[in-house]
Amino acid sequence: MVEFFADSLLNGFVQSSLMGKGIVLVQLAFSVVMVAAVIGKWRQLSYASRMTRRIGRDVMGGREVLEYYTARHDSAHTALENIYTATCERLLKLFAPDVRTMLVGRQPGAGEMAALTVNEMGLVKALCEHVLEEEEIRLEKGMGLISTVVALAPMLGLLGTVWGVLDAFADMGAAGSATIATMAPAISSALVTTVVGLLIAIPGVALHSHLSSQLRDLMADLEGFSDDLLGRIALEFQGRSV
């Protein structure tokens, strides 16, 4: 069955016009780009999800919110770590240099000297939310390319089919008569572009849906971490009303 289907596509491609062959080649090029994008995005999201869970446990498992930051772990360059690091750096910049040195050095009594106003907490929150949005945008990169290929492949296929049917009818008109024997090959070759487009779009939709679900789960984890991080900072450092 598969061999027959492949032979039909191959024969239709060979018999198709130059326009049809060009569209099929463009569709195949798009499919290669889509597969590369899917593999790259899947690896990125899988790594980010795994590191988000691990680093999130390490950060929230510490007694102090700055404990993971001051330990100077090797950076994994993940979205969660970028959010955490940027927020901690913004937090530390709000303190006087001597207090900042004590906090980074984890010296006794540093916590009693470090206190933030409500307005300063607002600055920390704004920075955290801004970095979160930037990381979400970065994680979404590549998804648009996949959805574009999924949408364009069948549309190009339809264009090739319509073009092939137009050519078939034009040839029929020039000949003055038509039979099944003369029309069938032309119609069959015209349908090849639509078949190829659907063969690209159908698995593309499934893959895009899976990646979108994985991306939503990761973003939910990042948003939950950001809320927990800001809550921990408020509990530890918010101590002044003005």
C-alpha atoms as a PDB file:
ATOM      1  CA  MET A   1       0.000   0.000   0.000  1.00  0.00           C
ATOM      2  CA  VAL A   2       2.757   2.423   0.974  1.00  0.00           C
ATOM      3  CA  GLU A   3       4.813   1.437  -2.055  1.00  0.00           C
ATOM      4  CA  PHE A   4       1.831   1.984  -4.355  1.00  0.00           C
ATOM      5  CA  PHE A   5       1.143   5.371  -2.787  1.00  0.00           C
ATOM      6  CA  ALA A   6       4.794   6.406  -3.137  1.00  0.00           C
ATOM      7  CA  ASP A   7       4.863   5.256  -6.784  1.00  0.00           C
ATOM      8  CA  SER A   8       1.699   7.242  -7.501  1.00  0.00           C
ATOM      9  CA  LEU A   9       3.229  10.387  -6.034  1.00  0.00           C
ATOM     10  CA  LEU A  10       6.481   9.862  -7.898  1.00  0.00           C
ATOM     11  CA  ASN A  11       4.741   9.235 -11.211  1.00  0.00           C
ATOM     12  CA  GLY A  12       2.502  12.245 -10.669  1.00  0.00           C
ATOM     13  CA  PHE A  13       5.530  14.396  -9.896  1.00  0.00           C
ATOM     14  CA  VAL A  14       7.362  13.239 -13.030  1.00  0.00           C
ATOM     15  CA  GLN A  15       4.322  13.927 -15.218  1.00  0.00           C
ATOM     16  CA  SER A  16       3.521  17.295 -13.647  1.00  0.00           C
ATOM     17  CA  SER A  17       4.338  20.603 -15.256  1.00  0.00           C
ATOM     18  CA  LEU A  18       7.339  22.739 -14.423  1.00  0.00           C
ATOM     19  CA  MET A  19       5.112  24.854 -12.160  1.00  0.00           C
ATOM     20  CA  GLY A  20       3.913  21.776 -10.268  1.00  0.00           C
ATOM     21  CA  LYS A  21       7.429  20.423  -9.825  1.00  0.00           C
ATOM     22  CA  GLY A  22       8.597  23.789  -8.553  1.00  0.00           C
ATOM     23  CA  ILE A  23       5.804  23.949  -5.964  1.00  0.00           C
ATOM     24  CA  VAL A  24       6.566  20.420  -4.735  1.00  0.00           C
ATOM     25  CA  LEU A  25      10.249  21.283  -4.347  1.00  0.00           C
ATOM     26  CA  VAL A  26       9.345  24.428  -2.390  1.00  0.00           C
ATOM     27  CA  GLN A  27       7.033  22.368  -0.172  1.00  0.00           C
ATOM     28  CA  LEU A  28       9.784  19.848   0.505  1.00  0.00           C
ATOM     29  CA  ALA A  29      12.194  22.666   1.376  1.00  0.00           C
ATOM     30  CA  PHE A  30       9.602  24.068   3.780  1.00  0.00           C
ATOM     31  CA  SER A  31       9.198  20.641   5.359  1.00  0.00           C
ATOM     32  CA  VAL A  32      12.931  20.390   6.024  1.00  0.00           C
ATOM     33  CA  VAL A  33      12.888  23.811   7.680  1.00  0.00           C
ATOM     34  CA  MET A  34       9.850  22.812   9.758  1.00  0.00           C
ATOM     35  CA  VAL A  35      11.442  19.556  10.946  1.00  0.00           C
ATOM     36  CA  ALA A  36      14.614  21.394  11.936  1.00  0.00           C
ATOM     37  CA  ALA A  37      12.561  24.010  13.812  1.00  0.00           C
ATOM     38  CA  VAL A  38      10.501  21.336  15.582  1.00  0.00           C
ATOM     39  CA  ILE A  39      13.584  19.405  16.705  1.00  0.00           C
ATOM     40  CA  GLY A  40      15.321  22.564  17.914  1.00  0.00           C
ATOM     41  CA  LYS A  41      12.255  23.827  19.768  1.00  0.00           C
ATOM     42  CA  TRP A  42      11.572  20.425  21.354  1.00  0.00           C
ATOM     43  CA  ARG A  43      15.152  20.199  22.640  1.00  0.00           C
ATOM     44  CA  GLN A  44      15.017  23.784  23.946  1.00  0.00           C
ATOM     45  CA  LEU A  45      11.713  23.315  25.779  1.00  0.00           C
ATOM     46  CA  SER A  46      12.671  19.917  27.192  1.00  0.00           C
ATOM     47  CA  TYR A  47      15.939  21.270  28.583  1.00  0.00           C
ATOM     48  CA  ALA A  48      14.266  24.413  29.923  1.00  0.00           C
ATOM     49  CA  SER A  49      11.511  22.395  31.628  1.00  0.00           C
ATOM     50  CA  ARG A  50      13.997  20.028  33.226  1.00  0.00           C
ATOM     51  CA  MET A  51      16.253  22.825  34.489  1.00  0.00           C
ATOM     52  CA  THR A  52      13.270  24.907  35.648  1.00  0.00           C
ATOM     53  CA  ARG A  53      12.152  22.136  37.976  1.00  0.00           C
ATOM     54  CA  ARG A  54      15.659  21.500  39.302  1.00  0.00           C
ATOM     55  CA  ILE A  55      16.755  25.110  39.810  1.00  0.00           C
ATOM     56  CA  GLY A  56      13.321  26.078  41.131  1.00  0.00           C
ATOM     57  CA  ARG A  57      13.626  23.453  43.864  1.00  0.00           C
ATOM     58  CA  ASP A  58      17.141  24.633  44.725  1.00  0.00           C
ATOM     59  CA  VAL A  59      16.142  28.307  44.891  1.00  0.00           C
ATOM     60  CA  MET A  60      12.964  27.839  46.900  1.00  0.00           C
ATOM     61  CA  GLY A  61      14.530  25.167  49.063  1.00  0.00           C
ATOM     62  CA  GLY A  62      17.078  27.591  50.513  1.00  0.00           C
ATOM     63  CA  ARG A  63      16.563  29.327  53.831  1.00  0.00           C
ATOM     64  CA  GLU A  64      17.139  32.744  52.224  1.00  0.00           C
ATOM     65  CA  VAL A  65      16.049  33.986  48.823  1.00  0.00           C
ATOM     66  CA  LEU A  66      19.599  35.097  47.931  1.00  0.00           C
ATOM     67  CA  GLU A  67      21.216  31.844  48.995  1.00  0.00           C
ATOM     68  CA  TYR A  68      21.313  30.304  45.517  1.00  0.00           C
ATOM     69  CA  TYR A  69      22.526  33.584  43.992  1.00  0.00           C
ATOM     70  CA  THR A  70      25.373  34.069  46.459  1.00  0.00           C
ATOM     71  CA  ALA A  71      26.490  30.437  46.063  1.00  0.00           C
ATOM     72  CA  ARG A  72      27.622  31.355  42.518  1.00  0.00           C
ATOM     73  CA  HIS A  73      26.406  28.241  40.741  1.00  0.00           C
ATOM     74  CA  ASP A  74      27.460  27.646  37.145  1.00  0.00           C
ATOM     75  CA  SER A  75      24.857  29.340  34.978  1.00  0.00           C
ATOM     76  CA  ALA A  76      22.552  27.062  32.984  1.00  0.00           C
ATOM     77  CA  HIS A  77      21.285  30.081  30.983  1.00  0.00           C
ATOM     78  CA  THR A  78      17.664  29.010  31.347  1.00  0.00           C
ATOM     79  CA  ALA A  79      14.614  31.272  31.478  1.00  0.00           C
ATOM     80  CA  LEU A  80      14.063  30.666  35.187  1.00  0.00           C
ATOM     81  CA  GLU A  81      17.680  31.372  36.072  1.00  0.00           C
ATOM     82  CA  ASN A  82      17.649  34.569  34.019  1.00  0.00           C
ATOM     83  CA  ILE A  83      14.536  35.744  35.870  1.00  0.00           C
ATOM     84  CA  TYR A  84      16.010  34.874  39.253  1.00  0.00           C
ATOM     85  CA  THR A  85      19.434  36.398  38.579  1.00  0.00           C
ATOM     86  CA  ALA A  86      18.068  39.660  37.149  1.00  0.00           C
ATOM     87  CA  THR A  87      15.649  40.034  40.065  1.00  0.00           C
ATOM     88  CA  CYS A  88      18.380  39.411  42.644  1.00  0.00           C
ATOM     89  CA  GLU A  89      20.699  41.910  40.979  1.00  0.00           C
ATOM     90  CA  ARG A  90      17.946  44.544  40.955  1.00  0.00           C
ATOM     91  CA  LEU A  91      17.234  43.805  44.600  1.00  0.00           C
ATOM     92  CA  LEU A  92      20.857  44.191  45.645  1.00  0.00           C
ATOM     93  CA  LYS A  93      21.244  47.511  43.795  1.00  0.00           C
ATOM     94  CA  LEU A  94      18.594  49.028  46.060  1.00  0.00           C
ATOM     95  CA  PHE A  95      20.780  48.609  49.147  1.00  0.00           C
ATOM     96  CA  ALA A  96      23.729  50.660  50.257  1.00  0.00           C
ATOM     97  CA  PRO A  97      27.136  49.289  49.172  1.00  0.00           C
ATOM     98  CA  ASP A  98      28.080  48.093  52.664  1.00  0.00           C
ATOM     99  CA  VAL A  99      24.744  46.278  53.100  1.00  0.00           C
ATOM    100  CA  ARG A 100      25.081  44.793  49.634  1.00  0.00           C
ATOM    101  CA  THR A 101      28.544  43.477  50.470  1.00  0.00           C
ATOM    102  CA  MET A 102      27.257  41.903  53.679  1.00  0.00           C
ATOM    103  CA  LEU A 103      24.357  40.234  51.850  1.00  0.00           C
ATOM    104  CA  VAL A 104      26.547  38.844  49.075  1.00  0.00           C
ATOM    105  CA  GLY A 105      29.095  37.665  51.607  1.00  0.00           C
ATOM    106  CA  ARG A 106      26.260  36.224  53.741  1.00  0.00           C
ATOM    107  CA  GLN A 107      27.615  37.955  56.829  1.00  0.00           C
ATOM    108  CA  PRO A 108      25.662  37.726  60.098  1.00  0.00           C
ATOM    109  CA  GLY A 109      23.275  40.595  60.727  1.00  0.00           C
ATOM    110  CA  ALA A 110      22.936  41.565  57.071  1.00  0.00           C
ATOM    111  CA  GLY A 111      19.246  40.730  57.038  1.00  0.00           C
ATOM    112  CA  GLU A 112      18.476  43.135  59.876  1.00  0.00           C
ATOM    113  CA  MET A 113      20.112  46.029  58.001  1.00  0.00           C
ATOM    114  CA  ALA A 114      18.395  45.305  54.675  1.00  0.00           C
ATOM    115  CA  ALA A 115      14.854  46.597  54.328  1.00  0.00           C
ATOM    116  CA  LEU A 116      12.841  47.820  51.354  1.00  0.00           C
ATOM    117  CA  THR A 117      10.013  50.308  51.076  1.00  0.00           C
ATOM    118  CA  VAL A 118       6.791  49.521  49.249  1.00  0.00           C
ATOM    119  CA  ASN A 119       7.966  51.617  46.307  1.00  0.00           C
ATOM    120  CA  GLU A 120      11.270  49.756  46.159  1.00  0.00           C
ATOM    121  CA  MET A 121       9.419  46.452  46.193  1.00  0.00           C
ATOM    122  CA  GLY A 122       7.428  47.776  43.259  1.00  0.00           C
ATOM    123  CA  LEU A 123      10.660  48.334  41.336  1.00  0.00           C
ATOM    124  CA  VAL A 124      11.791  44.765  42.020  1.00  0.00           C
ATOM    125  CA  LYS A 125       8.400  43.404  40.951  1.00  0.00           C
ATOM    126  CA  ALA A 126       8.387  45.458  37.749  1.00  0.00           C
ATOM    127  CA  LEU A 127      11.836  44.196  36.799  1.00  0.00           C
ATOM    128  CA  CYS A 128      10.903  40.593  37.547  1.00  0.00           C
ATOM    129  CA  GLU A 129       7.744  40.797  35.442  1.00  0.00           C
ATOM    130  CA  HIS A 130       9.621  42.503  32.596  1.00  0.00           C
ATOM    131  CA  VAL A 131      12.274  39.770  32.460  1.00  0.00           C
ATOM    132  CA  LEU A 132       9.525  37.142  32.634  1.00  0.00           C
ATOM    133  CA  GLU A 133       7.843  38.653  29.575  1.00  0.00           C
ATOM    134  CA  GLU A 134      11.166  38.781  27.714  1.00  0.00           C
ATOM    135  CA  GLU A 135      11.856  35.123  28.470  1.00  0.00           C
ATOM    136  CA  GLU A 136       8.370  34.099  27.360  1.00  0.00           C
ATOM    137  CA  ILE A 137       8.875  35.938  24.061  1.00  0.00           C
ATOM    138  CA  ARG A 138      12.242  34.223  23.626  1.00  0.00           C
ATOM    139  CA  LEU A 139      10.731  30.805  24.293  1.00  0.00           C
ATOM    140  CA  GLU A 140       7.976  31.436  21.736  1.00  0.00           C
ATOM    141  CA  LYS A 141      10.495  32.132  18.955  1.00  0.00           C
ATOM    142  CA  GLY A 142      10.324  29.424  16.308  1.00  0.00           C
ATOM    143  CA  MET A 143       6.690  28.539  16.947  1.00  0.00           C
ATOM    144  CA  GLY A 144       5.578  31.089  14.357  1.00  0.00           C
ATOM    145  CA  LEU A 145       7.834  29.499  11.731  1.00  0.00           C
ATOM    146  CA  ILE A 146       6.286  26.079  12.343  1.00  0.00           C
ATOM    147  CA  SER A 147       2.724  27.407  12.137  1.00  0.00           C
ATOM    148  CA  THR A 148       3.588  29.340   8.963  1.00  0.00           C
ATOM    149  CA  VAL A 149       4.856  26.210   7.206  1.00  0.00           C
ATOM    150  CA  VAL A 150       1.799  24.261   8.375  1.00  0.00           C
ATOM    151  CA  ALA A 151      -0.477  26.920   6.884  1.00  0.00           C
ATOM    152  CA  LEU A 152       1.444  27.542   3.652  1.00  0.00           C
ATOM    153  CA  ALA A 153       2.133  23.936   2.611  1.00  0.00           C
ATOM    154  CA  PRO A 154      -1.489  22.988   1.798  1.00  0.00           C
ATOM    155  CA  MET A 155      -2.184  26.438   0.343  1.00  0.00           C
ATOM    156  CA  LEU A 156       0.730  26.028  -2.069  1.00  0.00           C
ATOM    157  CA  GLY A 157      -0.584  22.553  -2.830  1.00  0.00           C
ATOM    158  CA  LEU A 158      -4.007  23.949  -3.681  1.00  0.00           C
ATOM    159  CA  LEU A 159      -2.384  26.573  -5.906  1.00  0.00           C
ATOM    160  CA  GLY A 160      -0.464  23.865  -7.766  1.00  0.00           C
ATOM    161  CA  THR A 161      -3.581  21.741  -8.202  1.00  0.00           C
ATOM    162  CA  VAL A 162      -5.678  24.610  -9.544  1.00  0.00           C
ATOM    163  CA  TRP A 163      -2.866  25.606 -11.861  1.00  0.00           C
ATOM    164  CA  GLY A 164      -2.539  22.030 -13.117  1.00  0.00           C
ATOM    165  CA  VAL A 165      -6.275  21.697 -13.719  1.00  0.00           C
ATOM    166  CA  LEU A 166      -6.252  24.981 -15.658  1.00  0.00           C
ATOM    167  CA  ASP A 167      -3.437  23.641 -17.831  1.00  0.00           C
ATOM    168  CA  ALA A 168      -5.342  20.392 -18.358  1.00  0.00           C
ATOM    169  CA  PHE A 169      -8.467  22.212 -19.518  1.00  0.00           C
ATOM    170  CA  ALA A 170      -6.400  24.503 -21.710  1.00  0.00           C
ATOM    171  CA  ASP A 171      -4.836  21.480 -23.405  1.00  0.00           C
ATOM    172  CA  MET A 172      -8.275  19.914 -23.762  1.00  0.00           C
ATOM    173  CA  GLY A 173      -9.569  23.078 -25.419  1.00  0.00           C
ATOM    174  CA  ALA A 174      -6.629  23.228 -27.791  1.00  0.00           C
ATOM    175  CA  ALA A 175      -7.143  19.584 -28.762  1.00  0.00           C
ATOM    176  CA  GLY A 176     -10.882  20.107 -29.305  1.00  0.00           C
ATOM    177  CA  SER A 177     -11.815  16.871 -27.541  1.00  0.00           C
ATOM    178  CA  ALA A 178     -10.959  14.955 -24.400  1.00  0.00           C
ATOM    179  CA  THR A 179     -11.092  11.391 -23.113  1.00  0.00           C
ATOM    180  CA  ILE A 180     -10.477   9.813 -19.733  1.00  0.00           C
ATOM    181  CA  ALA A 181      -7.223   8.424 -21.059  1.00  0.00           C
ATOM    182  CA  THR A 182      -5.900  11.867 -21.931  1.00  0.00           C
ATOM    183  CA  MET A 183      -7.344  13.787 -18.985  1.00  0.00           C
ATOM    184  CA  ALA A 184      -6.577  11.372 -16.124  1.00  0.00           C
ATOM    185  CA  PRO A 185      -2.770  11.761 -16.143  1.00  0.00           C
ATOM    186  CA  ALA A 186      -3.013  15.554 -16.190  1.00  0.00           C
ATOM    187  CA  ILE A 187      -5.512  15.661 -13.302  1.00  0.00           C
ATOM    188  CA  SER A 188      -3.508  13.075 -11.352  1.00  0.00           C
ATOM    189  CA  SER A 189      -0.290  15.080 -11.648  1.00  0.00           C
ATOM    190  CA  ALA A 190      -2.145  18.264 -10.687  1.00  0.00           C
ATOM    191  CA  LEU A 191      -3.292  16.671  -7.419  1.00  0.00           C
ATOM    192  CA  VAL A 192       0.259  15.782  -6.343  1.00  0.00           C
ATOM    193  CA  THR A 193       0.954  19.227  -4.897  1.00  0.00           C
ATOM    194  CA  THR A 194      -2.155  19.075  -2.697  1.00  0.00           C
ATOM    195  CA  VAL A 195      -1.244  15.598  -1.436  1.00  0.00           C
ATOM    196  CA  VAL A 196       2.293  16.709  -0.598  1.00  0.00           C
ATOM    197  CA  GLY A 197       0.967  19.804   1.169  1.00  0.00           C
ATOM    198  CA  LEU A 198      -1.375  17.715   3.319  1.00  0.00           C
ATOM    199  CA  LEU A 199       1.386  15.220   4.129  1.00  0.00           C
ATOM    200  CA  ILE A 200       3.413  18.133   5.513  1.00  0.00           C
ATOM    201  CA  ALA A 201       0.566  19.958   7.251  1.00  0.00           C
ATOM    202  CA  ILE A 202      -1.070  17.035   9.086  1.00  0.00           C
ATOM    203  CA  PRO A 203       1.971  15.947  11.155  1.00  0.00           C
ATOM    204  CA  GLY A 204       2.952  19.615  11.424  1.00  0.00           C
ATOM    205  CA  VAL A 205      -0.317  20.443  13.178  1.00  0.00           C
ATOM    206  CA  ALA A 206       0.176  17.571  15.630  1.00  0.00           C
ATOM    207  CA  LEU A 207       3.762  18.588  16.395  1.00  0.00           C
ATOM    208  CA  HIS A 208       2.848  22.254  16.797  1.00  0.00           C
ATOM    209  CA  SER A 209       0.038  21.323  19.184  1.00  0.00           C
ATOM    210  CA  HIS A 210       2.399  19.214  21.305  1.00  0.00           C
ATOM    211  CA  LEU A 211       5.028  21.944  21.455  1.00  0.00           C
ATOM    212  CA  SER A 212       2.388  24.555  22.317  1.00  0.00           C
ATOM    213  CA  SER A 213       1.196  22.422  25.232  1.00  0.00           C
ATOM    214  CA  GLN A 214       4.772  21.980  26.435  1.00  0.00           C
ATOM    215  CA  LEU A 215       5.351  25.729  26.112  1.00  0.00           C
ATOM    216  CA  ARG A 216       2.207  26.582  28.107  1.00  0.00           C
ATOM    217  CA  ASP A 217       3.271  24.267  30.924  1.00  0.00           C
ATOM    218  CA  LEU A 218       6.722  25.849  31.031  1.00  0.00           C
ATOM    219  CA  MET A 219       5.309  29.386  31.073  1.00  0.00           C
ATOM    220  CA  ALA A 220       2.962  28.444  33.900  1.00  0.00           C
ATOM    221  CA  ASP A 221       5.964  27.165  35.888  1.00  0.00           C
ATOM    222  CA  LEU A 222       7.886  30.388  35.221  1.00  0.00           C
ATOM    223  CA  GLU A 223       4.968  32.575  36.274  1.00  0.00           C
ATOM    224  CA  GLY A 224       4.466  30.535  39.428  1.00  0.00           C
ATOM    225  CA  PHE A 225       8.171  30.787  40.238  1.00  0.00           C
ATOM    226  CA  SER A 226       8.138  34.559  39.717  1.00  0.00           C
ATOM    227  CA  ASP A 227       5.194  34.952  42.095  1.00  0.00           C
ATOM    228  CA  ASP A 228       6.889  32.780  44.724  1.00  0.00           C
ATOM    229  CA  LEU A 229      10.168  34.672  44.304  1.00  0.00           C
ATOM    230  CA  LEU A 230       8.515  38.055  44.806  1.00  0.00           C
ATOM    231  CA  GLY A 231       6.646  36.708  47.813  1.00  0.00           C
ATOM    232  CA  ARG A 232       9.881  35.465  49.394  1.00  0.00           C
ATOM    233  CA  ILE A 233      11.573  38.811  48.760  1.00  0.00           C
ATOM    234  CA  ALA A 234       8.668  40.707  50.328  1.00  0.00           C
ATOM    235  CA  LEU A 235       8.729  38.494  53.426  1.00  0.00           C
ATOM    236  CA  GLU A 236      12.479  38.863  53.900  1.00  0.00           C
ATOM    237  CA  PHE A 237      13.127  42.474  52.937  1.00  0.00           C
ATOM    238  CA  GLN A 238       9.979  44.589  52.950  1.00  0.00           C
ATOM    239  CA  GLY A 239      10.256  46.385  56.273  1.00  0.00           C
ATOM    240  CA  ARG A 240       9.722  50.093  55.724  1.00  0.00           C
ATOM    241  CA  SER A 241       6.548  51.928  54.866  1.00  0.00           C
ATOM    242  CA  VAL A 242       8.098  54.932  53.138  1.00  0.00           C
END
